Structure formats: C-alpha cells, structure tokens
Amino acid sequence: MQTTNSATAKYEGLGKEGKGHVSTASGALAAQPYGFQTRFEDAPGTNPEELIAAAHASCFTMALSFKLAEAGHADGTVTTSAEVTLEKQDGGFTVTKSALSTKGKVPGLERAKFEELAADAKANCPISKLLDAEITLETKFEG
C-alpha cells in the first residue's frame, strides 16, 4: 500500500519581510500564514517546525495505538505532545531534536509493556524515520 499526500507553500517578498501561506490538499490547512514573524517572533500563524511537531505527535500516537491494538487491547487513550527544536548552527539553522511526551490510559496494560510498545512506535512511525528517508527535489524557475 502506498499513499501520497501534498501541501503547497507560497512566499511573497523575500527574507524577513516576506509573507507566506501554506495549504494542504485535504483542506485541513488553507492559506495559513507563515514567515519570519511566525517562526521567530510569535506572530499569529504557523511555522515549519510546528507542522513537523504536529506530524510527529500524530504519527507516533497512531503508531502506538496500532501497537496497543496488536497487543490485544481494545480500549484506551493515548495523548502525545512533540517539541521540535530549531537551532542556529554553522551559519544556518538545523532541526536538532523532536522530543515526544506521551501519556497512555489502557485498561489491563502494565507500565513496562506500555513503555516497550511506545519505544517500538517511536522507532517505527514513518515521521520518526523521516530523517533517513530519501529526499528528492524537482525545481522549476521562471526568471
């Protein structure tokens, strides 16, 4: 099984003064503002690291939910937050960390088993694997 999802981003103006909008094909995000101010100055809107955090938290939570179901559990709740850290390094910026924090409430499950399944979900959710993923780039330029 293979699925492909997409999003678009448009940035008008350049550098700090530019303003962008990001949208997802599903419509979950529609022309959400982003730019220097939303990334570094707490202006309303989103930023790439926040979107990565949302993707990682949701992917991991779903992966853990499936691991719990595979282990024979039919009921429960999993809540996860992710904090993605962006640091200035070597003249540029690098995402250096994604810290997941999860809580689970699953009747009949012991803590050790929950921790084991959570570690497996962390290692195997697609967003956790993203840093090892193949990255391709196609460019089009209009001068």
C-alpha atoms as a PDB file:
ATOM      1  CA  MET A   1       0.000   0.000   0.000  1.00  0.00           C
ATOM      2  CA  GLN A   2       1.257   3.465  -0.878  1.00  0.00           C
ATOM      3  CA  THR A   3      -0.274   6.854  -0.233  1.00  0.00           C
ATOM      4  CA  THR A   4       0.871  10.266  -1.340  1.00  0.00           C
ATOM      5  CA  ASN A   5      -0.173  13.481   0.361  1.00  0.00           C
ATOM      6  CA  SER A   6       0.653  17.007  -0.626  1.00  0.00           C
ATOM      7  CA  ALA A   7       0.841  20.572   0.546  1.00  0.00           C
ATOM      8  CA  THR A   8       1.791  23.850  -1.080  1.00  0.00           C
ATOM      9  CA  ALA A   9       3.593  26.888   0.231  1.00  0.00           C
ATOM     10  CA  LYS A  10       3.843  30.315  -1.354  1.00  0.00           C
ATOM     11  CA  TYR A  11       6.149  33.110  -0.144  1.00  0.00           C
ATOM     12  CA  GLU A  12       5.735  36.650  -1.448  1.00  0.00           C
ATOM     13  CA  GLY A  13       8.543  39.096  -0.819  1.00  0.00           C
ATOM     14  CA  LEU A  14      11.928  37.898   0.316  1.00  0.00           C
ATOM     15  CA  GLY A  15      13.680  37.294   3.620  1.00  0.00           C
ATOM     16  CA  LYS A  16      12.338  38.730   6.871  1.00  0.00           C
ATOM     17  CA  GLU A  17       9.875  40.993   5.084  1.00  0.00           C
ATOM     18  CA  GLY A  18       8.311  38.172   3.068  1.00  0.00           C
ATOM     19  CA  LYS A  19       4.963  36.627   3.918  1.00  0.00           C
ATOM     20  CA  GLY A  20       3.960  33.070   3.210  1.00  0.00           C
ATOM     21  CA  HIS A  21       0.891  30.870   3.199  1.00  0.00           C
ATOM     22  CA  VAL A  22       0.758  27.101   3.487  1.00  0.00           C
ATOM     23  CA  SER A  23      -2.134  24.847   2.477  1.00  0.00           C
ATOM     24  CA  THR A  24      -2.760  21.115   2.460  1.00  0.00           C
ATOM     25  CA  ALA A  25      -4.506  19.281  -0.347  1.00  0.00           C
ATOM     26  CA  SER A  26      -7.065  17.940   2.141  1.00  0.00           C
ATOM     27  CA  GLY A  27      -8.020  21.463   3.174  1.00  0.00           C
ATOM     28  CA  ALA A  28      -7.033  20.881   6.808  1.00  0.00           C
ATOM     29  CA  LEU A  29      -4.790  23.911   6.362  1.00  0.00           C
ATOM     30  CA  ALA A  30      -5.974  26.569   3.979  1.00  0.00           C
ATOM     31  CA  ALA A  31      -3.699  29.539   3.330  1.00  0.00           C
ATOM     32  CA  GLN A  32      -2.300  29.505   6.866  1.00  0.00           C
ATOM     33  CA  PRO A  33       0.168  32.370   7.278  1.00  0.00           C
ATOM     34  CA  TYR A  34       3.831  31.734   7.951  1.00  0.00           C
ATOM     35  CA  GLY A  35       7.022  33.717   7.737  1.00  0.00           C
ATOM     36  CA  PHE A  36       9.880  35.087   9.800  1.00  0.00           C
ATOM     37  CA  GLN A  37       7.483  36.662  12.288  1.00  0.00           C
ATOM     38  CA  THR A  38       5.535  33.420  12.879  1.00  0.00           C
ATOM     39  CA  ARG A  39       8.736  31.431  13.158  1.00  0.00           C
ATOM     40  CA  PHE A  40      10.820  33.676  15.395  1.00  0.00           C
ATOM     41  CA  GLU A  41       8.607  36.446  16.795  1.00  0.00           C
ATOM     42  CA  ASP A  42       5.363  34.765  17.970  1.00  0.00           C
ATOM     43  CA  ALA A  43       3.162  36.388  15.314  1.00  0.00           C
ATOM     44  CA  PRO A  44      -0.120  34.590  14.548  1.00  0.00           C
ATOM     45  CA  GLY A  45       0.299  31.748  12.076  1.00  0.00           C
ATOM     46  CA  THR A  46       2.360  28.601  11.864  1.00  0.00           C
ATOM     47  CA  ASN A  47       5.915  27.593  11.007  1.00  0.00           C
ATOM     48  CA  PRO A  48       7.644  24.511   9.600  1.00  0.00           C
ATOM     49  CA  GLU A  49       8.799  23.223  12.993  1.00  0.00           C
ATOM     50  CA  GLU A  50       5.290  23.447  14.437  1.00  0.00           C
ATOM     51  CA  LEU A  51       3.990  21.466  11.473  1.00  0.00           C
ATOM     52  CA  ILE A  52       6.729  18.858  11.968  1.00  0.00           C
ATOM     53  CA  ALA A  53       5.810  18.655  15.663  1.00  0.00           C
ATOM     54  CA  ALA A  54       2.148  18.103  14.777  1.00  0.00           C
ATOM     55  CA  ALA A  55       3.079  15.459  12.219  1.00  0.00           C
ATOM     56  CA  HIS A  56       5.408  13.642  14.622  1.00  0.00           C
ATOM     57  CA  ALA A  57       2.961  13.714  17.543  1.00  0.00           C
ATOM     58  CA  SER A  58       0.075  12.450  15.430  1.00  0.00           C
ATOM     59  CA  CYS A  59       2.108   9.807  13.599  1.00  0.00           C
ATOM     60  CA  PHE A  60       3.652   8.439  16.786  1.00  0.00           C
ATOM     61  CA  THR A  61       0.283   8.416  18.593  1.00  0.00           C
ATOM     62  CA  MET A  62      -1.355   6.496  15.774  1.00  0.00           C
ATOM     63  CA  ALA A  63       1.561   4.043  15.592  1.00  0.00           C
ATOM     64  CA  LEU A  64       1.344   3.419  19.333  1.00  0.00           C
ATOM     65  CA  SER A  65      -2.418   2.963  19.085  1.00  0.00           C
ATOM     66  CA  PHE A  66      -1.892   0.263  16.472  1.00  0.00           C
ATOM     67  CA  LYS A  67       0.813  -1.417  18.581  1.00  0.00           C
ATOM     68  CA  LEU A  68      -1.588  -1.486  21.536  1.00  0.00           C
ATOM     69  CA  ALA A  69      -4.357  -2.965  19.388  1.00  0.00           C
ATOM     70  CA  GLU A  70      -1.962  -5.610  18.017  1.00  0.00           C
ATOM     71  CA  ALA A  71      -1.111  -6.495  21.628  1.00  0.00           C
ATOM     72  CA  GLY A  72      -4.771  -7.308  22.208  1.00  0.00           C
ATOM     73  CA  HIS A  73      -6.089  -4.108  23.760  1.00  0.00           C
ATOM     74  CA  ALA A  74      -9.429  -2.798  22.529  1.00  0.00           C
ATOM     75  CA  ASP A  75      -9.883   0.361  24.596  1.00  0.00           C
ATOM     76  CA  GLY A  76      -7.715   3.218  25.724  1.00  0.00           C
ATOM     77  CA  THR A  77      -6.440   6.723  25.137  1.00  0.00           C
ATOM     78  CA  VAL A  78      -3.031   7.947  24.021  1.00  0.00           C
ATOM     79  CA  THR A  79      -2.075  11.631  24.079  1.00  0.00           C
ATOM     80  CA  THR A  80       1.263  12.882  22.783  1.00  0.00           C
ATOM     81  CA  SER A  81       2.963  16.232  22.518  1.00  0.00           C
ATOM     82  CA  ALA A  82       6.063  16.886  20.447  1.00  0.00           C
ATOM     83  CA  GLU A  83       8.539  19.716  20.792  1.00  0.00           C
ATOM     84  CA  VAL A  84      10.738  20.308  17.765  1.00  0.00           C
ATOM     85  CA  THR A  85      13.906  22.305  18.385  1.00  0.00           C
ATOM     86  CA  LEU A  86      15.423  24.579  15.743  1.00  0.00           C
ATOM     87  CA  GLU A  87      18.982  25.758  16.446  1.00  0.00           C
ATOM     88  CA  LYS A  88      21.372  28.062  14.654  1.00  0.00           C
ATOM     89  CA  GLN A  89      24.431  26.033  13.669  1.00  0.00           C
ATOM     90  CA  ASP A  90      27.291  26.589  11.246  1.00  0.00           C
ATOM     91  CA  GLY A  91      25.815  29.716   9.686  1.00  0.00           C
ATOM     92  CA  GLY A  92      22.384  28.172   9.165  1.00  0.00           C
ATOM     93  CA  PHE A  93      19.559  26.523  11.041  1.00  0.00           C
ATOM     94  CA  THR A  94      19.085  22.835  11.861  1.00  0.00           C
ATOM     95  CA  VAL A  95      16.248  20.899  13.433  1.00  0.00           C
ATOM     96  CA  THR A  96      18.200  19.208  16.198  1.00  0.00           C
ATOM     97  CA  LYS A  97      15.541  17.382  18.168  1.00  0.00           C
ATOM     98  CA  SER A  98      11.968  16.193  18.304  1.00  0.00           C
ATOM     99  CA  ALA A  99      11.022  15.403  21.900  1.00  0.00           C
ATOM    100  CA  LEU A 100       7.925  13.257  22.263  1.00  0.00           C
ATOM    101  CA  SER A 101       5.984  13.141  25.518  1.00  0.00           C
ATOM    102  CA  THR A 102       3.161  10.625  25.659  1.00  0.00           C
ATOM    103  CA  LYS A 103       0.522   9.549  28.135  1.00  0.00           C
ATOM    104  CA  GLY A 104      -1.483   6.378  27.848  1.00  0.00           C
ATOM    105  CA  LYS A 105      -4.516   5.065  29.630  1.00  0.00           C
ATOM    106  CA  VAL A 106      -5.138   1.449  28.659  1.00  0.00           C
ATOM    107  CA  PRO A 107      -7.100  -0.824  30.992  1.00  0.00           C
ATOM    108  CA  GLY A 108      -5.223  -4.016  31.871  1.00  0.00           C
ATOM    109  CA  LEU A 109      -1.875  -2.857  30.494  1.00  0.00           C
ATOM    110  CA  GLU A 110       1.234  -2.740  32.651  1.00  0.00           C
ATOM    111  CA  ARG A 111       3.647   0.201  32.533  1.00  0.00           C
ATOM    112  CA  ALA A 112       6.595  -1.883  31.271  1.00  0.00           C
ATOM    113  CA  LYS A 113       4.579  -3.162  28.309  1.00  0.00           C
ATOM    114  CA  PHE A 114       3.353   0.357  27.522  1.00  0.00           C
ATOM    115  CA  GLU A 115       6.949   1.624  27.543  1.00  0.00           C
ATOM    116  CA  GLU A 116       8.067  -1.260  25.312  1.00  0.00           C
ATOM    117  CA  LEU A 117       5.310  -0.602  22.782  1.00  0.00           C
ATOM    118  CA  ALA A 118       5.961   3.158  22.897  1.00  0.00           C
ATOM    119  CA  ALA A 119       9.672   2.619  22.161  1.00  0.00           C
ATOM    120  CA  ASP A 120       8.727   0.410  19.202  1.00  0.00           C
ATOM    121  CA  ALA A 121       6.261   3.020  17.927  1.00  0.00           C
ATOM    122  CA  LYS A 122       8.889   5.768  18.263  1.00  0.00           C
ATOM    123  CA  ALA A 123      11.415   3.772  16.255  1.00  0.00           C
ATOM    124  CA  ASN A 124       8.947   2.738  13.562  1.00  0.00           C
ATOM    125  CA  CYS A 125       6.497   5.563  12.948  1.00  0.00           C
ATOM    126  CA  PRO A 126       7.085   6.997   9.470  1.00  0.00           C
ATOM    127  CA  ILE A 127       7.795  10.516  10.712  1.00  0.00           C
ATOM    128  CA  SER A 128      10.440   9.199  13.132  1.00  0.00           C
ATOM    129  CA  LYS A 129      12.030   7.500  10.133  1.00  0.00           C
ATOM    130  CA  LEU A 130      11.821  10.665   8.037  1.00  0.00           C
ATOM    131  CA  LEU A 131      15.384  11.737   8.661  1.00  0.00           C
ATOM    132  CA  ASP A 132      16.525   8.535   6.987  1.00  0.00           C
ATOM    133  CA  ALA A 133      14.069   8.886   4.114  1.00  0.00           C
ATOM    134  CA  GLU A 134      15.001   9.501   0.529  1.00  0.00           C
ATOM    135  CA  ILE A 135      14.573  13.150  -0.374  1.00  0.00           C
ATOM    136  CA  THR A 136      14.018  14.203  -3.954  1.00  0.00           C
ATOM    137  CA  LEU A 137      13.835  17.698  -5.395  1.00  0.00           C
ATOM    138  CA  GLU A 138      12.357  18.980  -8.603  1.00  0.00           C
ATOM    139  CA  THR A 139      12.796  22.639  -9.420  1.00  0.00           C
ATOM    140  CA  LYS A 140      11.107  24.990 -11.848  1.00  0.00           C
ATOM    141  CA  PHE A 141      12.250  28.564 -12.247  1.00  0.00           C
ATOM    142  CA  GLU A 142      10.693  31.497 -14.002  1.00  0.00           C
ATOM    143  CA  GLY A 143      13.115  34.412 -14.340  1.00  0.00           C
END
